[in-house]
Each structure stands twice: as structure tokens, then as C-alpha cells.
N, C-alpha and C. Protein backbone atom coordinates (compact mmCIF):
# COMPACT_ATOMS: atom_id res chain seq x y z
N MET A 1 0.85 -1.18 0.00
CA MET A 1 0.00 0.00 0.00
C MET A 1 0.88 1.22 0.00
N THR A 2 0.60 2.09 -0.90
CA THR A 2 1.47 3.26 -1.09
C THR A 2 1.05 4.35 -0.15
N ASP A 3 2.03 5.00 0.43
CA ASP A 3 1.77 6.12 1.32
C ASP A 3 1.45 7.35 0.46
N GLN A 4 0.19 7.88 0.54
CA GLN A 4 -0.24 9.02 -0.26
C GLN A 4 0.52 10.29 0.08
N SER A 5 1.08 10.33 1.29
CA SER A 5 1.78 11.56 1.71
C SER A 5 3.08 11.72 0.97
N ASP A 6 3.61 10.61 0.31
CA ASP A 6 4.87 10.74 -0.42
C ASP A 6 4.70 11.31 -1.82
N LYS A 7 3.42 11.41 -2.33
CA LYS A 7 3.19 11.93 -3.68
C LYS A 7 3.43 13.42 -3.72
N PRO A 8 4.13 13.89 -4.77
CA PRO A 8 4.34 15.34 -4.88
C PRO A 8 3.02 16.03 -5.16
N SER A 9 2.85 17.22 -4.57
CA SER A 9 1.62 17.99 -4.78
C SER A 9 1.68 18.67 -6.14
N LEU A 10 0.53 18.73 -6.87
CA LEU A 10 0.44 19.34 -8.19
C LEU A 10 0.12 20.82 -8.06
N PRO A 11 0.67 21.62 -8.96
CA PRO A 11 0.36 23.06 -8.91
C PRO A 11 -1.09 23.27 -9.31
N PRO A 12 -1.71 24.34 -8.87
CA PRO A 12 -3.11 24.60 -9.24
C PRO A 12 -3.23 24.87 -10.72
N GLU A 13 -4.37 24.48 -11.34
CA GLU A 13 -4.58 24.73 -12.75
C GLU A 13 -4.74 26.22 -12.99
N PRO A 14 -4.13 26.68 -14.08
CA PRO A 14 -4.24 28.11 -14.35
C PRO A 14 -5.68 28.50 -14.64
N GLY A 15 -6.04 29.66 -14.18
CA GLY A 15 -7.37 30.20 -14.45
C GLY A 15 -8.43 29.77 -13.47
N LEU A 16 -8.15 28.80 -12.65
CA LEU A 16 -9.16 28.36 -11.71
C LEU A 16 -9.10 29.11 -10.40
N HIS A 17 -7.95 29.66 -10.09
CA HIS A 17 -7.77 30.38 -8.83
C HIS A 17 -7.20 31.76 -9.13
N SER A 18 -7.52 32.68 -8.34
CA SER A 18 -6.97 34.03 -8.52
C SER A 18 -6.59 34.58 -7.18
N ALA A 19 -5.64 35.45 -7.24
CA ALA A 19 -5.18 36.05 -6.01
C ALA A 19 -6.23 37.02 -5.49
N PRO A 20 -6.33 37.13 -4.20
CA PRO A 20 -7.31 38.06 -3.63
C PRO A 20 -7.01 39.49 -4.07
N THR A 21 -8.07 40.23 -4.36
CA THR A 21 -7.92 41.62 -4.81
C THR A 21 -8.66 42.54 -3.87
N GLU A 22 -8.22 43.78 -3.89
CA GLU A 22 -8.88 44.78 -3.06
C GLU A 22 -10.17 45.22 -3.74
N LYS A 23 -11.21 45.46 -2.96
CA LYS A 23 -12.47 45.93 -3.50
C LYS A 23 -12.34 47.39 -3.93
N LYS A 24 -12.80 47.66 -5.19
CA LYS A 24 -12.75 49.02 -5.70
C LYS A 24 -14.16 49.59 -5.78
N GLN A 25 -14.28 50.85 -5.48
CA GLN A 25 -15.58 51.51 -5.58
C GLN A 25 -15.85 51.90 -7.03
N VAL A 26 -17.03 51.53 -7.54
CA VAL A 26 -17.43 51.87 -8.90
C VAL A 26 -18.16 53.19 -8.88
N ALA A 27 -17.69 54.12 -9.73
CA ALA A 27 -18.31 55.44 -9.77
C ALA A 27 -19.73 55.35 -10.31
N GLN A 28 -20.67 55.97 -9.65
CA GLN A 28 -22.05 55.97 -10.11
C GLN A 28 -22.22 56.97 -11.25
N PRO A 29 -22.95 56.57 -12.32
CA PRO A 29 -23.15 57.49 -13.44
C PRO A 29 -23.95 58.73 -13.03
N ASN A 30 -23.59 59.84 -13.62
CA ASN A 30 -24.30 61.09 -13.35
C ASN A 30 -25.59 61.11 -14.16
N PRO A 31 -26.75 61.19 -13.52
CA PRO A 31 -28.01 61.14 -14.27
C PRO A 31 -28.16 62.30 -15.25
N TRP A 32 -27.58 63.46 -14.92
CA TRP A 32 -27.66 64.61 -15.83
C TRP A 32 -26.87 64.34 -17.11
N VAL A 33 -25.68 63.75 -16.94
CA VAL A 33 -24.86 63.43 -18.12
C VAL A 33 -25.56 62.39 -18.98
N GLU A 34 -26.12 61.34 -18.32
CA GLU A 34 -26.83 60.31 -19.09
C GLU A 34 -28.03 60.90 -19.83
N GLY A 35 -28.73 61.81 -19.18
CA GLY A 35 -29.89 62.43 -19.81
C GLY A 35 -29.50 63.24 -21.03
N LEU A 36 -28.41 64.00 -20.88
CA LEU A 36 -27.94 64.81 -22.01
C LEU A 36 -27.45 63.93 -23.16
N GLN A 37 -26.79 62.83 -22.83
CA GLN A 37 -26.35 61.90 -23.87
C GLN A 37 -27.53 61.30 -24.62
N THR A 38 -28.57 60.93 -23.88
CA THR A 38 -29.75 60.35 -24.51
C THR A 38 -30.44 61.36 -25.42
N ILE A 39 -30.58 62.59 -24.93
CA ILE A 39 -31.20 63.64 -25.74
C ILE A 39 -30.37 63.92 -26.98
N GLY A 40 -29.06 63.99 -26.81
CA GLY A 40 -28.19 64.26 -27.94
C GLY A 40 -28.28 63.18 -29.00
N LEU A 41 -28.30 61.92 -28.56
CA LEU A 41 -28.42 60.81 -29.51
C LEU A 41 -29.76 60.84 -30.23
N SER A 42 -30.81 61.18 -29.49
CA SER A 42 -32.14 61.25 -30.11
C SER A 42 -32.20 62.33 -31.17
N VAL A 43 -31.58 63.48 -30.88
CA VAL A 43 -31.57 64.57 -31.85
C VAL A 43 -30.80 64.17 -33.10
N VAL A 44 -29.64 63.54 -32.91
CA VAL A 44 -28.83 63.11 -34.06
C VAL A 44 -29.61 62.12 -34.92
N LEU A 45 -30.27 61.14 -34.27
CA LEU A 45 -31.05 60.15 -35.03
C LEU A 45 -32.21 60.81 -35.76
N ALA A 46 -32.89 61.75 -35.08
CA ALA A 46 -34.03 62.41 -35.71
C ALA A 46 -33.59 63.22 -36.92
N LEU A 47 -32.48 63.94 -36.78
CA LEU A 47 -31.98 64.73 -37.90
C LEU A 47 -31.53 63.83 -39.04
N GLY A 48 -30.90 62.71 -38.70
CA GLY A 48 -30.47 61.78 -39.75
C GLY A 48 -31.64 61.18 -40.49
N ILE A 49 -32.68 60.78 -39.76
CA ILE A 49 -33.87 60.23 -40.40
C ILE A 49 -34.53 61.29 -41.27
N ARG A 50 -34.64 62.51 -40.76
CA ARG A 50 -35.29 63.58 -41.52
C ARG A 50 -34.50 63.91 -42.78
N HIS A 51 -33.19 63.85 -42.70
CA HIS A 51 -32.37 64.23 -43.84
C HIS A 51 -32.31 63.13 -44.89
N PHE A 52 -32.24 61.87 -44.46
CA PHE A 52 -31.99 60.78 -45.40
C PHE A 52 -33.17 59.86 -45.65
N VAL A 53 -34.13 59.79 -44.75
CA VAL A 53 -35.17 58.77 -44.85
C VAL A 53 -36.55 59.37 -45.13
N ALA A 54 -37.06 60.16 -44.21
CA ALA A 54 -38.41 60.68 -44.36
C ALA A 54 -38.59 61.92 -43.49
N GLU A 55 -39.59 62.71 -43.84
CA GLU A 55 -39.93 63.86 -43.02
C GLU A 55 -41.40 64.19 -43.20
N ALA A 56 -41.93 64.97 -42.28
CA ALA A 56 -43.33 65.38 -42.34
C ALA A 56 -43.43 66.77 -42.97
N ARG A 57 -44.48 66.96 -43.76
CA ARG A 57 -44.75 68.25 -44.39
C ARG A 57 -46.24 68.54 -44.31
N TYR A 58 -46.58 69.82 -44.33
CA TYR A 58 -48.00 70.18 -44.37
C TYR A 58 -48.28 70.99 -45.62
N ILE A 59 -49.53 71.00 -46.05
CA ILE A 59 -49.94 71.65 -47.28
C ILE A 59 -50.45 73.06 -46.94
N PRO A 60 -49.78 74.10 -47.44
CA PRO A 60 -50.18 75.46 -47.09
C PRO A 60 -51.15 76.12 -48.07
N SER A 61 -51.35 75.51 -49.24
CA SER A 61 -52.19 76.16 -50.26
C SER A 61 -53.07 75.13 -50.95
N GLY A 62 -53.97 75.62 -51.79
CA GLY A 62 -54.89 74.74 -52.49
C GLY A 62 -54.46 74.34 -53.88
N SER A 63 -53.17 74.47 -54.21
CA SER A 63 -52.71 74.20 -55.58
C SER A 63 -52.80 72.73 -55.97
N MET A 64 -52.91 71.83 -54.97
CA MET A 64 -53.01 70.40 -55.28
C MET A 64 -54.40 69.84 -54.98
N GLU A 65 -55.39 70.70 -54.77
CA GLU A 65 -56.75 70.21 -54.58
C GLU A 65 -57.27 69.61 -55.88
N PRO A 66 -58.11 68.59 -55.81
CA PRO A 66 -58.71 67.99 -54.61
C PRO A 66 -57.88 66.87 -53.98
N THR A 67 -56.74 66.52 -54.61
CA THR A 67 -55.93 65.41 -54.08
C THR A 67 -55.44 65.72 -52.67
N LEU A 68 -54.92 66.91 -52.47
CA LEU A 68 -54.40 67.34 -51.18
C LEU A 68 -55.11 68.62 -50.76
N GLN A 69 -55.57 68.64 -49.53
CA GLN A 69 -56.29 69.79 -49.01
C GLN A 69 -55.37 70.65 -48.15
N VAL A 70 -55.75 71.91 -48.01
CA VAL A 70 -54.99 72.82 -47.15
C VAL A 70 -54.93 72.24 -45.73
N ARG A 71 -53.75 72.25 -45.16
CA ARG A 71 -53.44 71.75 -43.81
C ARG A 71 -53.37 70.23 -43.72
N ASP A 72 -53.46 69.52 -44.84
CA ASP A 72 -53.12 68.10 -44.81
C ASP A 72 -51.67 67.94 -44.37
N ARG A 73 -51.39 66.88 -43.64
CA ARG A 73 -50.02 66.60 -43.22
C ARG A 73 -49.58 65.26 -43.83
N LEU A 74 -48.39 65.30 -44.43
CA LEU A 74 -47.92 64.17 -45.22
C LEU A 74 -46.58 63.65 -44.73
N VAL A 75 -46.30 62.39 -45.05
CA VAL A 75 -44.96 61.83 -44.89
C VAL A 75 -44.31 61.83 -46.26
N ILE A 76 -43.12 62.44 -46.33
CA ILE A 76 -42.34 62.51 -47.56
C ILE A 76 -41.16 61.55 -47.43
N GLU A 77 -41.14 60.51 -48.26
CA GLU A 77 -40.03 59.55 -48.17
C GLU A 77 -38.94 59.92 -49.17
N LYS A 78 -37.68 59.60 -48.79
CA LYS A 78 -36.52 60.03 -49.56
C LYS A 78 -35.65 58.88 -50.06
N ILE A 79 -36.13 57.66 -49.89
CA ILE A 79 -35.30 56.50 -50.20
C ILE A 79 -35.48 56.02 -51.63
N SER A 80 -36.72 55.95 -52.11
CA SER A 80 -37.00 55.25 -53.37
C SER A 80 -36.27 55.84 -54.56
N TYR A 81 -36.05 57.16 -54.58
CA TYR A 81 -35.40 57.77 -55.74
C TYR A 81 -33.90 57.50 -55.80
N TYR A 82 -33.36 56.87 -54.76
CA TYR A 82 -31.98 56.41 -54.85
C TYR A 82 -31.88 55.15 -55.71
N PHE A 83 -33.01 54.45 -55.86
CA PHE A 83 -33.01 53.17 -56.58
C PHE A 83 -33.79 53.23 -57.90
N ASN A 84 -34.82 54.06 -57.94
CA ASN A 84 -35.63 54.18 -59.14
C ASN A 84 -35.89 55.65 -59.44
N PRO A 85 -35.88 56.06 -60.69
CA PRO A 85 -36.10 57.46 -61.02
C PRO A 85 -37.56 57.85 -60.81
N PRO A 86 -37.86 59.13 -60.69
CA PRO A 86 -39.25 59.58 -60.59
C PRO A 86 -40.07 59.11 -61.79
N ALA A 87 -41.36 58.92 -61.57
CA ALA A 87 -42.24 58.39 -62.60
C ALA A 87 -43.40 59.34 -62.84
N HIS A 88 -44.05 59.18 -63.97
CA HIS A 88 -45.26 59.95 -64.26
C HIS A 88 -46.26 59.79 -63.12
N GLY A 89 -46.85 60.88 -62.70
CA GLY A 89 -47.88 60.82 -61.67
C GLY A 89 -47.38 60.92 -60.25
N ASP A 90 -46.07 60.81 -60.02
CA ASP A 90 -45.54 60.96 -58.65
C ASP A 90 -45.83 62.37 -58.14
N ILE A 91 -46.22 62.45 -56.88
CA ILE A 91 -46.37 63.75 -56.22
C ILE A 91 -45.11 63.99 -55.43
N VAL A 92 -44.39 65.05 -55.77
CA VAL A 92 -43.07 65.28 -55.19
C VAL A 92 -43.00 66.63 -54.49
N VAL A 93 -42.18 66.65 -53.46
CA VAL A 93 -41.82 67.89 -52.77
C VAL A 93 -40.43 68.27 -53.24
N PHE A 94 -40.22 69.55 -53.56
CA PHE A 94 -38.95 69.97 -54.14
C PHE A 94 -38.67 71.43 -53.81
N TRP A 95 -37.39 71.78 -53.89
CA TRP A 95 -37.00 73.17 -53.77
C TRP A 95 -37.24 73.86 -55.11
N PRO A 96 -37.78 75.07 -55.11
CA PRO A 96 -38.04 75.75 -56.38
C PRO A 96 -36.74 76.07 -57.11
N PRO A 97 -36.80 76.27 -58.42
CA PRO A 97 -35.60 76.63 -59.16
C PRO A 97 -35.08 78.00 -58.73
N GLU A 98 -33.82 78.29 -59.10
CA GLU A 98 -33.17 79.52 -58.65
C GLU A 98 -33.93 80.77 -59.07
N SER A 99 -34.62 80.70 -60.19
CA SER A 99 -35.35 81.88 -60.67
C SER A 99 -36.46 82.30 -59.71
N LEU A 100 -36.87 81.42 -58.81
CA LEU A 100 -37.94 81.74 -57.87
C LEU A 100 -37.45 82.02 -56.46
N THR A 101 -36.15 81.95 -56.24
CA THR A 101 -35.60 82.13 -54.90
C THR A 101 -35.08 83.55 -54.71
N VAL A 102 -35.26 84.06 -53.50
CA VAL A 102 -34.77 85.38 -53.14
C VAL A 102 -33.41 85.22 -52.47
N PRO A 103 -32.35 85.91 -52.95
CA PRO A 103 -31.03 85.77 -52.34
C PRO A 103 -31.07 86.08 -50.84
N GLY A 104 -30.42 85.22 -50.06
CA GLY A 104 -30.35 85.41 -48.62
C GLY A 104 -31.57 84.93 -47.86
N ARG A 105 -32.54 84.39 -48.56
CA ARG A 105 -33.75 83.91 -47.90
C ARG A 105 -33.96 82.44 -48.24
N ARG A 106 -34.24 81.64 -47.22
CA ARG A 106 -34.48 80.21 -47.44
C ARG A 106 -35.80 80.04 -48.17
N PRO A 107 -35.81 79.34 -49.30
CA PRO A 107 -37.05 79.19 -50.06
C PRO A 107 -38.01 78.20 -49.41
N ASP A 108 -39.28 78.37 -49.70
CA ASP A 108 -40.28 77.40 -49.27
C ASP A 108 -40.34 76.26 -50.28
N ALA A 109 -40.53 75.06 -49.78
CA ALA A 109 -40.63 73.91 -50.67
C ALA A 109 -41.97 73.91 -51.38
N TYR A 110 -41.99 73.37 -52.60
CA TYR A 110 -43.20 73.24 -53.40
C TYR A 110 -43.62 71.77 -53.42
N ILE A 111 -44.90 71.54 -53.74
CA ILE A 111 -45.38 70.18 -53.96
C ILE A 111 -46.25 70.18 -55.21
N LYS A 112 -45.93 69.30 -56.15
CA LYS A 112 -46.66 69.21 -57.42
C LYS A 112 -46.62 67.76 -57.91
N ARG A 113 -47.32 67.53 -59.02
CA ARG A 113 -47.36 66.21 -59.64
C ARG A 113 -46.47 66.20 -60.88
N ILE A 114 -45.69 65.14 -61.05
CA ILE A 114 -44.84 65.02 -62.23
C ILE A 114 -45.69 64.62 -63.43
N ILE A 115 -45.66 65.47 -64.46
CA ILE A 115 -46.40 65.23 -65.69
C ILE A 115 -45.46 64.86 -66.83
N GLY A 116 -44.30 65.50 -66.89
CA GLY A 116 -43.36 65.23 -67.97
C GLY A 116 -42.00 64.80 -67.45
N LEU A 117 -41.49 63.69 -68.01
CA LEU A 117 -40.15 63.21 -67.72
C LEU A 117 -39.18 63.75 -68.77
N PRO A 118 -37.88 63.65 -68.53
CA PRO A 118 -36.91 64.12 -69.52
C PRO A 118 -37.17 63.49 -70.90
N GLY A 119 -37.25 64.33 -71.92
CA GLY A 119 -37.50 63.86 -73.28
C GLY A 119 -38.95 63.84 -73.70
N ASP A 120 -39.89 63.93 -72.73
CA ASP A 120 -41.30 63.98 -73.08
C ASP A 120 -41.63 65.30 -73.78
N VAL A 121 -42.56 65.23 -74.72
CA VAL A 121 -43.11 66.43 -75.34
C VAL A 121 -44.53 66.62 -74.79
N VAL A 122 -44.75 67.75 -74.12
CA VAL A 122 -46.01 67.97 -73.41
C VAL A 122 -46.69 69.23 -73.94
N GLU A 123 -48.00 69.16 -74.03
CA GLU A 123 -48.79 70.29 -74.48
C GLU A 123 -50.11 70.32 -73.69
N VAL A 124 -50.59 71.52 -73.40
CA VAL A 124 -51.92 71.69 -72.82
C VAL A 124 -52.78 72.37 -73.88
N ARG A 125 -53.85 71.70 -74.29
CA ARG A 125 -54.70 72.24 -75.35
C ARG A 125 -56.14 71.85 -75.10
N ASP A 126 -57.02 72.82 -75.19
CA ASP A 126 -58.46 72.60 -74.97
C ASP A 126 -58.73 71.93 -73.63
N GLY A 127 -57.97 72.32 -72.63
CA GLY A 127 -58.17 71.81 -71.27
C GLY A 127 -57.56 70.45 -71.02
N GLU A 128 -56.94 69.85 -72.03
CA GLU A 128 -56.37 68.52 -71.86
C GLU A 128 -54.84 68.57 -71.92
N VAL A 129 -54.21 67.66 -71.21
CA VAL A 129 -52.75 67.52 -71.26
C VAL A 129 -52.43 66.42 -72.26
N ILE A 130 -51.60 66.76 -73.22
CA ILE A 130 -51.20 65.80 -74.25
C ILE A 130 -49.71 65.53 -74.09
N ARG A 131 -49.37 64.27 -73.86
CA ARG A 131 -47.98 63.90 -73.66
C ARG A 131 -47.57 62.89 -74.73
N ASN A 132 -46.56 63.27 -75.49
CA ASN A 132 -46.07 62.40 -76.56
C ASN A 132 -47.21 61.95 -77.48
N GLY A 133 -48.12 62.89 -77.76
CA GLY A 133 -49.21 62.62 -78.68
C GLY A 133 -50.43 61.95 -78.10
N GLU A 134 -50.41 61.61 -76.80
CA GLU A 134 -51.54 60.94 -76.16
C GLU A 134 -52.19 61.83 -75.10
N VAL A 135 -53.50 61.89 -75.12
CA VAL A 135 -54.24 62.67 -74.13
C VAL A 135 -54.24 61.92 -72.80
N LEU A 136 -53.86 62.63 -71.73
CA LEU A 136 -53.82 61.99 -70.41
C LEU A 136 -55.23 61.91 -69.81
N VAL A 137 -55.50 60.81 -69.16
CA VAL A 137 -56.73 60.66 -68.37
C VAL A 137 -56.37 61.09 -66.95
N GLU A 138 -56.98 62.17 -66.49
CA GLU A 138 -56.59 62.75 -65.20
C GLU A 138 -57.81 62.92 -64.29
N PRO A 139 -58.22 61.85 -63.64
CA PRO A 139 -59.38 61.96 -62.73
C PRO A 139 -59.08 62.76 -61.46
N TYR A 140 -57.81 63.07 -61.22
CA TYR A 140 -57.42 63.73 -59.97
C TYR A 140 -57.49 65.26 -60.04
N ILE A 141 -57.69 65.87 -61.20
CA ILE A 141 -57.64 67.33 -61.29
C ILE A 141 -58.95 67.96 -60.80
N ALA A 142 -58.84 69.24 -60.37
CA ALA A 142 -60.03 69.97 -59.93
C ALA A 142 -60.89 70.38 -61.11
N ALA A 143 -60.25 70.82 -62.19
CA ALA A 143 -60.96 71.25 -63.39
C ALA A 143 -59.95 71.31 -64.53
N PRO A 144 -60.38 71.20 -65.78
CA PRO A 144 -59.46 71.30 -66.90
C PRO A 144 -58.79 72.68 -66.94
N ALA A 145 -57.55 72.71 -67.42
CA ALA A 145 -56.81 73.96 -67.54
C ALA A 145 -57.50 74.88 -68.54
N ASN A 146 -57.59 76.15 -68.19
CA ASN A 146 -58.30 77.08 -69.06
C ASN A 146 -57.39 77.87 -69.99
N GLU A 147 -56.08 77.58 -69.97
CA GLU A 147 -55.16 78.26 -70.86
C GLU A 147 -54.25 77.24 -71.55
N PRO A 148 -53.94 77.44 -72.82
CA PRO A 148 -53.04 76.52 -73.53
C PRO A 148 -51.59 76.72 -73.11
N TRP A 149 -50.79 75.70 -73.36
CA TRP A 149 -49.35 75.77 -73.05
C TRP A 149 -48.63 74.78 -73.96
N GLY A 150 -47.44 75.15 -74.40
CA GLY A 150 -46.62 74.23 -75.19
C GLY A 150 -47.05 74.20 -76.64
N PRO A 151 -46.63 73.15 -77.37
CA PRO A 151 -45.86 71.99 -76.87
C PRO A 151 -44.39 72.32 -76.62
N GLU A 152 -43.83 71.63 -75.62
CA GLU A 152 -42.43 71.78 -75.27
C GLU A 152 -41.85 70.43 -74.90
N GLU A 153 -40.55 70.27 -75.16
CA GLU A 153 -39.85 69.04 -74.76
C GLU A 153 -39.15 69.26 -73.43
N VAL A 154 -39.34 68.33 -72.52
CA VAL A 154 -38.71 68.43 -71.20
C VAL A 154 -37.22 68.17 -71.34
N PRO A 155 -36.38 69.10 -70.85
CA PRO A 155 -34.93 68.92 -71.01
C PRO A 155 -34.37 67.80 -70.13
N PRO A 156 -33.11 67.38 -70.41
CA PRO A 156 -32.48 66.33 -69.59
C PRO A 156 -32.39 66.73 -68.12
N ALA A 157 -32.47 65.73 -67.25
CA ALA A 157 -32.33 65.92 -65.80
C ALA A 157 -33.31 66.95 -65.27
N SER A 158 -34.48 67.03 -65.87
CA SER A 158 -35.51 67.98 -65.45
C SER A 158 -36.88 67.33 -65.56
N TYR A 159 -37.88 67.96 -64.92
CA TYR A 159 -39.24 67.42 -64.93
C TYR A 159 -40.23 68.57 -65.07
N LEU A 160 -41.34 68.28 -65.76
CA LEU A 160 -42.45 69.22 -65.81
C LEU A 160 -43.43 68.83 -64.71
N VAL A 161 -43.70 69.75 -63.81
CA VAL A 161 -44.61 69.46 -62.70
C VAL A 161 -45.77 70.44 -62.74
N LEU A 162 -46.97 69.92 -62.51
CA LEU A 162 -48.19 70.73 -62.49
C LEU A 162 -48.96 70.45 -61.22
N GLY A 163 -49.74 71.44 -60.79
CA GLY A 163 -50.65 71.23 -59.68
C GLY A 163 -51.94 70.60 -60.16
N ASP A 164 -52.58 69.82 -59.30
CA ASP A 164 -53.86 69.21 -59.67
C ASP A 164 -54.97 70.24 -59.80
N ASN A 165 -54.84 71.35 -59.10
CA ASN A 165 -55.79 72.45 -59.22
C ASN A 165 -55.27 73.37 -60.34
N ARG A 166 -55.43 72.94 -61.57
CA ARG A 166 -54.73 73.51 -62.71
C ARG A 166 -54.91 75.02 -62.86
N ASN A 167 -56.06 75.55 -62.49
CA ASN A 167 -56.32 76.96 -62.70
C ASN A 167 -55.98 77.82 -61.48
N SER A 168 -55.43 77.19 -60.44
CA SER A 168 -54.99 77.91 -59.24
C SER A 168 -53.64 77.38 -58.76
N SER A 169 -52.78 77.06 -59.72
CA SER A 169 -51.48 76.48 -59.38
C SER A 169 -50.37 77.24 -60.10
N TYR A 170 -49.40 77.70 -59.32
CA TYR A 170 -48.21 78.33 -59.87
C TYR A 170 -47.18 77.23 -60.09
N ASP A 171 -47.08 76.74 -61.32
CA ASP A 171 -46.30 75.54 -61.57
C ASP A 171 -45.42 75.68 -62.80
N GLY A 172 -45.01 74.55 -63.38
CA GLY A 172 -44.05 74.56 -64.47
C GLY A 172 -44.50 75.32 -65.70
N ARG A 173 -45.79 75.51 -65.90
CA ARG A 173 -46.27 76.29 -67.03
C ARG A 173 -45.86 77.75 -66.90
N ALA A 174 -45.64 78.21 -65.67
CA ALA A 174 -45.28 79.61 -65.42
C ALA A 174 -43.77 79.81 -65.28
N TRP A 175 -43.10 78.88 -64.60
CA TRP A 175 -41.68 79.12 -64.29
C TRP A 175 -40.72 78.10 -64.90
N GLY A 176 -41.23 77.14 -65.66
CA GLY A 176 -40.31 76.24 -66.35
C GLY A 176 -40.22 74.86 -65.72
N TYR A 177 -39.02 74.31 -65.72
CA TYR A 177 -38.83 72.91 -65.33
C TYR A 177 -38.14 72.78 -63.99
N MET A 178 -38.49 71.69 -63.31
CA MET A 178 -37.89 71.41 -62.01
C MET A 178 -36.61 70.60 -62.21
N PRO A 179 -35.46 71.10 -61.74
CA PRO A 179 -34.22 70.32 -61.84
C PRO A 179 -34.29 69.06 -60.96
N GLU A 180 -33.74 67.98 -61.47
CA GLU A 180 -33.76 66.71 -60.73
C GLU A 180 -33.13 66.85 -59.35
N ASP A 181 -32.06 67.63 -59.24
CA ASP A 181 -31.36 67.77 -57.97
C ASP A 181 -32.18 68.51 -56.92
N ASN A 182 -33.27 69.14 -57.32
CA ASN A 182 -34.09 69.90 -56.37
C ASN A 182 -35.12 69.04 -55.64
N ILE A 183 -35.25 67.77 -56.04
CA ILE A 183 -36.26 66.92 -55.43
C ILE A 183 -35.88 66.60 -53.99
N ILE A 184 -36.82 66.80 -53.08
CA ILE A 184 -36.64 66.45 -51.67
C ILE A 184 -37.13 65.03 -51.42
N GLY A 185 -38.28 64.69 -51.96
CA GLY A 185 -38.81 63.35 -51.76
C GLY A 185 -40.19 63.20 -52.36
N LYS A 186 -40.75 62.04 -52.18
CA LYS A 186 -42.05 61.67 -52.75
C LYS A 186 -43.10 61.61 -51.64
N ALA A 187 -44.25 62.21 -51.89
CA ALA A 187 -45.35 62.16 -50.92
C ALA A 187 -45.99 60.78 -50.98
N VAL A 188 -46.06 60.10 -49.84
CA VAL A 188 -46.56 58.72 -49.84
C VAL A 188 -47.75 58.49 -48.90
N VAL A 189 -47.79 59.19 -47.78
CA VAL A 189 -48.83 58.93 -46.78
C VAL A 189 -49.37 60.25 -46.24
N ARG A 190 -50.68 60.32 -46.09
CA ARG A 190 -51.31 61.43 -45.37
C ARG A 190 -51.65 60.91 -43.98
N PHE A 191 -51.13 61.59 -42.95
CA PHE A 191 -51.39 61.12 -41.59
C PHE A 191 -52.30 62.05 -40.81
N TRP A 192 -52.66 63.18 -41.41
CA TRP A 192 -53.60 64.11 -40.77
C TRP A 192 -54.34 64.87 -41.85
N PRO A 193 -55.65 65.06 -41.71
CA PRO A 193 -56.51 64.64 -40.59
C PRO A 193 -56.75 63.13 -40.58
N LEU A 194 -57.10 62.62 -39.40
CA LEU A 194 -57.24 61.18 -39.24
C LEU A 194 -58.32 60.61 -40.15
N GLY A 195 -59.34 61.42 -40.43
CA GLY A 195 -60.41 60.93 -41.30
C GLY A 195 -59.97 60.69 -42.73
N ARG A 196 -58.82 61.23 -43.12
CA ARG A 196 -58.31 61.02 -44.47
C ARG A 196 -56.95 60.31 -44.45
N LEU A 197 -56.69 59.61 -43.36
CA LEU A 197 -55.45 58.88 -43.22
C LEU A 197 -55.32 57.82 -44.30
N GLY A 198 -54.13 57.73 -44.89
CA GLY A 198 -53.91 56.67 -45.88
C GLY A 198 -52.86 57.02 -46.89
N LEU A 199 -52.62 56.06 -47.80
CA LEU A 199 -51.65 56.27 -48.86
C LEU A 199 -52.16 57.30 -49.85
N ILE A 200 -51.23 58.01 -50.45
CA ILE A 200 -51.59 59.01 -51.46
C ILE A 200 -51.53 58.35 -52.82
N GLY A 201 -52.66 58.19 -53.46
CA GLY A 201 -52.72 57.55 -54.76
C GLY A 201 -52.62 58.55 -55.88
N ASP A 202 -52.65 58.04 -57.11
CA ASP A 202 -52.60 58.90 -58.27
C ASP A 202 -53.89 59.69 -58.42
């Protein structure tokens, strides 16, 4: 029978034991600093979403009636035009061209419907819009236009935009074409008033 006391003792396995350490006091976070950090992060996220993703806008005039009413509030999305170009019938929010801006003053954004894409030939005659030789069916307008316009070809990287309230809209017939770079986004949802909540159709 072997005497167990003669066996050499084995060193402890690494990682299983640790030397005793002194207890350290952990500093408590300052609630004011945490609050300011949270607010700051929220502001940054909100600004980022507003700049790159979507923003809310309200309708100040009747130029898009009956589709959009005064004081309607809309969500304007900014993502889709990174992947697909604007299309006929899109309702877009955009900065007006330079000819309509006052130096030193921030311009107000406009909202209109895209009628002509680059290369389209558009004419307004006898109250009807004729695009590339075809009369448009426009159930969304308030009334037929009472003045002729065109025919004109839409230049590259530009769009012809008209208001749905054709006889009370200051639009491309008066000031020309909207540059592509001026587009802010596409109107997709009306969220106010609640009774008219929903997607914005053609």
C-alpha cells in the first residue's frame, strides 16, 4: 500500500484560482450626463432620419386640390429615388428653381405632380394635357386647364410638374422645369386629418 503523503503535490490549474484583490468603488453614473447623452443621440437620429429617410410636411395652399387639401399633413419619403427614377404621376416635394428664390432667404418647398419626364413632349390644349401625342386621363384634377401651353420638350435631368388644381397652381407652365437635384422626396402617406389617413394615390 502506497503512502499518499509521499506523492508530490500538483500546482493549481491556471485560471481556476486568482489572487485576492482589493475591492474598488465603482463610480455611479451622473443622471444629468446620461440624460444629455440620450437627448443628444435622439436629436442626431431624428436629424439623420429627416435628412436621409423621411420627413413630415403640411400643405399650405390649395394648388393640389382635390388630391391634397390645405393643412393636410404628409410623410415625404426620400429613399426610393436612390433606386428608381421619378415616374409619371408621382407627387413630389422639391426646392423651387433659382429663378424663384430670393437671395439670402431660405425658399419654401413646393409640392406638385410630375407630368413630364426628360425627353417627353407635353402640351396643354383645350383643357387637356397631351404627352407624346396621347391625351392623359386625369381623374385627380379639380378642373381642366383654361389656358393653352406648349408643346415643349422636357430637357435632360428635369421634370415638368403641375398642380392638380390647374387653374390655381403656380407651376411649371409659369416658371419652367424642375431640376432633378431639387427633389426632396415623394409624398406617400397622409397622416392628418385622421379621417383622411392613408396612402396618397394617383
